[in-house]
Amino acid sequence: MLSSRVADDGVSRRPRALFFATVAVLAAYNVVRAFGGFAGWETGAALTLAATVVALAWRGGLTFPDLGLARADGARGLRWGGVAFGVIALVVGVVALIPATRGALDDSRGDLDGARLIVEILVGILITTVIPEELAFRGVLLGAGTRAWGRTAAIVGSSVVFGLWHIAPTLHTVTRHNALESSGVAAVGVVAATVAATTVAGAVFAWLRLRSASLVAPVLAHLGTNAIALTAAWMVRH
């Protein structure tokens, strides 16, 4: 009985250790990124991060279904992700059509030509941002958290980490905005709002992942959130 209990405790500790090890890797990556350590090779660094968290998942005993990568669930993920993508496109489209709200889509990131826009969506957003982040947050963290503490705690934990993940890039944006940089209160407000918004977004992506059983669903939702917003900004600027 004692040996069995020790074995069970060891199994239960494994996903917890994986969760916190992945958080540590993400934190280290974010610090290096914040100080410009990946300048010029952001895509390679992001793919290395993705490979690292997948290797951690393998060492931690997660399966393809734990990560949302089971082949049998791909079609369901496409359906749920497609619906999410369509809803996002509809909402942004309505905002773009209403003169009073159209200005909210104006963003300097839209100052691109058509070819560069496509490259930015496929490389800058899909490959460099969406895929690595979904593997880390809705794949490894959500999978390990679900095994360790159950679905609700896993959604909360992975979503909070996802929100905190956005502090460094938001601070970088704030320091480039003269009006915000000169007002500490405004800067803190922007960072806090971004963390709150991305935490909520992370919870929605996690729900999609669990509801569809596939990582494809949050990948499409995440892609839609970033790519449609950028495309709308491009359209406003052109």
Protein backbone atom coordinates (compact mmCIF):
# COMPACT_ATOMS: atom_id res chain seq x y z
CA MET A 1 0.00 0.00 0.00
CA LEU A 2 2.79 2.42 0.86
CA SER A 3 4.62 1.85 -2.42
CA SER A 4 1.38 2.33 -4.36
CA ARG A 5 0.66 5.62 -2.58
CA VAL A 6 4.18 6.88 -3.27
CA ALA A 7 3.78 6.00 -6.95
CA ASP A 8 0.42 7.82 -7.14
CA ASP A 9 1.93 10.89 -5.49
CA GLY A 10 4.78 10.83 -7.99
CA VAL A 11 2.35 10.69 -10.92
CA SER A 12 0.29 13.58 -9.50
CA ARG A 13 3.40 15.72 -9.01
CA ARG A 14 4.57 15.24 -12.57
CA PRO A 15 2.01 17.52 -14.32
CA ARG A 16 2.43 20.14 -11.58
CA ALA A 17 6.19 20.15 -12.13
CA LEU A 18 5.64 20.39 -15.89
CA PHE A 19 3.27 23.34 -15.45
CA PHE A 20 5.75 25.34 -13.36
CA ALA A 21 8.73 24.35 -15.52
CA THR A 22 6.88 25.66 -18.58
CA VAL A 23 6.03 28.90 -16.76
CA ALA A 24 9.73 29.30 -15.92
CA VAL A 25 10.72 28.81 -19.57
CA LEU A 26 8.11 31.33 -20.70
CA ALA A 27 9.28 33.86 -18.10
CA ALA A 28 12.91 33.49 -19.16
CA TYR A 29 11.97 33.84 -22.82
CA ASN A 30 9.93 36.98 -22.07
CA VAL A 31 12.80 38.60 -20.17
CA VAL A 32 15.27 37.96 -22.98
CA ARG A 33 12.75 39.24 -25.53
CA ALA A 34 12.08 42.37 -23.46
CA PHE A 35 15.77 43.27 -23.53
CA GLY A 36 16.01 42.76 -27.28
CA GLY A 37 17.85 39.47 -27.10
CA PHE A 38 15.99 38.04 -30.09
CA ALA A 39 16.30 41.10 -32.33
CA GLY A 40 16.59 39.98 -35.94
CA TRP A 41 15.67 36.36 -35.33
CA GLU A 42 12.29 36.54 -33.59
CA THR A 43 10.77 33.77 -35.70
CA GLY A 44 13.62 31.37 -34.97
CA ALA A 45 13.41 32.16 -31.26
CA ALA A 46 9.64 31.59 -31.25
CA LEU A 47 9.99 28.23 -33.01
CA THR A 48 12.72 27.25 -30.55
CA LEU A 49 10.32 28.13 -27.72
CA ALA A 50 7.63 25.95 -29.30
CA ALA A 51 10.05 23.02 -29.63
CA THR A 52 11.19 23.50 -26.03
CA VAL A 53 7.70 23.40 -24.50
CA VAL A 54 6.76 20.38 -26.63
CA ALA A 55 9.92 18.61 -25.42
CA LEU A 56 8.95 19.46 -21.84
CA ALA A 57 5.48 18.04 -22.47
CA TRP A 58 6.96 14.81 -23.80
CA ARG A 59 9.26 14.53 -20.79
CA GLY A 60 6.31 15.29 -18.52
CA GLY A 61 4.24 12.46 -19.95
CA LEU A 62 1.56 14.44 -21.78
CA THR A 63 -0.12 12.73 -24.71
CA PHE A 64 -1.31 14.12 -28.04
CA PRO A 65 -4.89 14.40 -26.72
CA ASP A 66 -3.57 16.25 -23.63
CA LEU A 67 -2.05 18.82 -25.98
CA GLY A 68 -5.07 19.03 -28.26
CA LEU A 69 -3.09 17.44 -31.09
CA ALA A 70 -5.01 14.20 -31.57
CA ARG A 71 -5.63 13.72 -35.28
CA ALA A 72 -9.16 12.47 -34.72
CA ASP A 73 -10.18 15.79 -33.13
CA GLY A 74 -8.84 18.01 -35.92
CA ALA A 75 -12.12 18.28 -37.84
CA ARG A 76 -14.01 19.36 -34.71
CA GLY A 77 -11.30 21.92 -34.02
CA LEU A 78 -11.68 23.29 -37.54
CA ARG A 79 -15.44 23.68 -37.06
CA TRP A 80 -15.20 25.44 -33.71
CA GLY A 81 -12.24 27.53 -34.82
CA GLY A 82 -13.97 28.46 -38.05
CA VAL A 83 -17.01 29.69 -36.15
CA ALA A 84 -14.82 31.74 -33.80
CA PHE A 85 -12.91 33.21 -36.74
CA GLY A 86 -16.18 34.14 -38.43
CA VAL A 87 -17.57 35.81 -35.30
CA ILE A 88 -14.40 37.88 -34.91
CA ALA A 89 -14.53 38.91 -38.58
CA LEU A 90 -18.19 39.88 -38.22
CA VAL A 91 -17.58 42.02 -35.12
CA VAL A 92 -14.59 43.79 -36.68
CA GLY A 93 -16.53 44.26 -39.90
CA VAL A 94 -19.41 45.95 -38.07
CA VAL A 95 -16.96 48.23 -36.23
CA ALA A 96 -15.34 49.14 -39.56
CA LEU A 97 -18.68 49.99 -41.18
CA ILE A 98 -19.85 52.38 -38.45
CA PRO A 99 -18.24 55.83 -38.88
CA ALA A 100 -18.29 56.51 -35.13
CA THR A 101 -16.27 53.37 -34.33
CA ARG A 102 -14.14 53.02 -37.47
CA GLY A 103 -11.41 55.20 -35.97
CA ALA A 104 -10.81 52.60 -33.24
CA LEU A 105 -9.27 50.35 -35.91
CA ASP A 106 -6.74 52.96 -37.02
CA ASP A 107 -3.29 51.65 -36.12
CA SER A 108 0.14 52.57 -37.44
CA ARG A 109 0.87 48.87 -37.86
CA GLY A 110 -1.45 49.04 -40.87
CA ASP A 111 1.12 51.10 -42.80
CA LEU A 112 2.07 48.15 -45.00
CA ASP A 113 1.76 47.30 -48.65
CA GLY A 114 -0.38 44.31 -49.63
CA ALA A 115 2.50 41.86 -49.99
CA ARG A 116 3.98 42.83 -46.64
CA LEU A 117 0.57 42.44 -45.00
CA ILE A 118 0.36 38.81 -46.17
CA VAL A 119 3.90 38.09 -44.95
CA GLU A 120 3.14 39.68 -41.59
CA ILE A 121 0.00 37.55 -41.17
CA LEU A 122 1.63 34.28 -42.18
CA VAL A 123 5.04 34.75 -40.55
CA GLY A 124 4.78 37.48 -37.94
CA ILE A 125 1.39 36.45 -36.59
CA LEU A 126 0.77 32.77 -37.39
CA ILE A 127 4.27 31.28 -37.13
CA THR A 128 6.00 33.67 -34.73
CA THR A 129 3.10 34.39 -32.37
CA VAL A 130 0.02 32.17 -32.62
CA ILE A 131 1.46 28.67 -33.00
CA PRO A 132 4.16 28.95 -30.28
CA GLU A 133 1.77 30.64 -27.83
CA GLU A 134 -1.04 28.15 -28.41
CA LEU A 135 1.32 25.20 -27.98
CA ALA A 136 2.59 26.71 -24.73
CA PHE A 137 -0.61 28.05 -23.17
CA ARG A 138 -3.53 26.00 -24.54
CA GLY A 139 -1.35 22.96 -25.19
CA VAL A 140 1.20 22.34 -22.45
CA LEU A 141 -0.03 24.59 -19.61
CA LEU A 142 -3.69 23.71 -20.10
CA GLY A 143 -2.91 20.02 -20.54
CA ALA A 144 -0.63 19.82 -17.50
CA GLY A 145 -2.96 21.98 -15.42
CA THR A 146 -5.96 19.83 -16.27
CA ARG A 147 -4.13 16.71 -15.18
CA ALA A 148 -2.86 18.36 -12.01
CA TRP A 149 -5.87 20.35 -10.76
CA GLY A 150 -8.82 19.85 -13.11
CA ARG A 151 -10.26 21.88 -15.98
CA THR A 152 -11.44 24.99 -14.12
CA ALA A 153 -8.16 25.58 -12.32
CA ALA A 154 -6.24 24.84 -15.53
CA ILE A 155 -8.24 27.45 -17.46
CA VAL A 156 -7.68 30.05 -14.73
CA GLY A 157 -3.98 29.27 -14.29
CA SER A 158 -3.08 29.18 -17.98
CA SER A 159 -5.14 32.31 -18.69
CA VAL A 160 -3.55 34.34 -15.89
CA VAL A 161 -0.08 33.37 -17.13
CA PHE A 162 -1.18 34.35 -20.65
CA GLY A 163 -2.26 37.75 -19.35
CA LEU A 164 1.04 38.28 -17.51
CA TRP A 165 2.90 37.20 -20.65
CA HIS A 166 1.71 40.44 -22.29
CA ILE A 167 3.19 42.81 -19.70
CA ALA A 168 6.61 43.11 -21.36
CA PRO A 169 5.39 43.77 -24.94
CA THR A 170 2.81 46.24 -23.62
CA LEU A 171 5.49 48.12 -21.69
CA HIS A 172 7.54 48.21 -24.89
CA THR A 173 4.59 49.77 -26.73
CA VAL A 174 4.00 52.26 -23.92
CA THR A 175 7.62 53.47 -23.98
CA ARG A 176 7.23 54.23 -27.69
CA HIS A 177 4.12 56.32 -27.04
CA ASN A 178 5.23 59.74 -25.80
CA ALA A 179 1.90 60.69 -24.22
CA LEU A 180 1.69 57.47 -22.24
CA GLU A 181 5.36 57.46 -21.28
CA SER A 182 5.00 60.91 -19.74
CA SER A 183 2.09 59.77 -17.58
CA GLY A 184 2.91 56.92 -15.24
CA VAL A 185 -0.72 56.49 -14.21
CA ALA A 186 -1.87 56.20 -17.83
CA ALA A 187 0.91 53.70 -18.58
CA VAL A 188 -0.04 51.52 -15.61
CA GLY A 189 -3.67 51.69 -16.73
CA VAL A 190 -2.79 50.53 -20.24
CA VAL A 191 -0.72 47.62 -18.93
CA ALA A 192 -3.42 46.58 -16.43
CA ALA A 193 -6.14 46.77 -19.09
CA THR A 194 -4.04 44.72 -21.49
CA VAL A 195 -3.34 42.04 -18.88
CA ALA A 196 -7.05 41.86 -18.01
CA ALA A 197 -8.13 41.68 -21.66
CA THR A 198 -5.59 39.03 -22.61
CA THR A 199 -6.46 36.97 -19.51
CA VAL A 200 -10.09 36.94 -20.62
CA ALA A 201 -9.03 36.11 -24.19
CA GLY A 202 -6.88 33.29 -22.82
CA ALA A 203 -9.87 31.88 -20.95
CA VAL A 204 -11.97 31.96 -24.14
CA PHE A 205 -9.20 30.25 -26.11
CA ALA A 206 -8.84 27.63 -23.35
CA TRP A 207 -12.58 26.99 -23.39
CA LEU A 208 -12.48 26.54 -27.17
CA ARG A 209 -9.57 24.11 -26.82
CA LEU A 210 -11.38 21.99 -24.23
CA ARG A 211 -14.79 22.21 -25.92
CA SER A 212 -13.41 21.11 -29.28
CA ALA A 213 -10.68 18.83 -27.84
CA SER A 214 -8.38 20.31 -30.49
CA LEU A 215 -5.68 22.98 -30.48
CA VAL A 216 -6.83 23.94 -33.99
CA ALA A 217 -9.81 25.86 -32.55
CA PRO A 218 -7.83 28.34 -30.40
CA VAL A 219 -5.19 28.65 -33.13
CA LEU A 220 -7.86 29.87 -35.56
CA ALA A 221 -9.47 32.13 -32.94
CA HIS A 222 -6.09 33.61 -31.99
CA LEU A 223 -5.15 34.05 -35.64
CA GLY A 224 -8.47 35.74 -36.29
CA THR A 225 -8.06 38.13 -33.36
CA ASN A 226 -4.62 39.31 -34.50
CA ALA A 227 -4.84 39.00 -38.29
CA ILE A 228 -8.29 40.51 -38.73
CA ALA A 229 -7.39 43.47 -36.53
CA LEU A 230 -4.22 44.06 -38.57
CA THR A 231 -6.11 43.70 -41.85
CA ALA A 232 -8.73 46.19 -40.63
CA ALA A 233 -5.98 48.65 -39.70
CA TRP A 234 -4.47 48.19 -43.16
CA MET A 235 -7.83 48.86 -44.79
CA VAL A 236 -8.38 52.00 -42.71
CA ARG A 237 -4.94 53.29 -43.67
CA HIS A 238 -5.53 52.57 -47.36
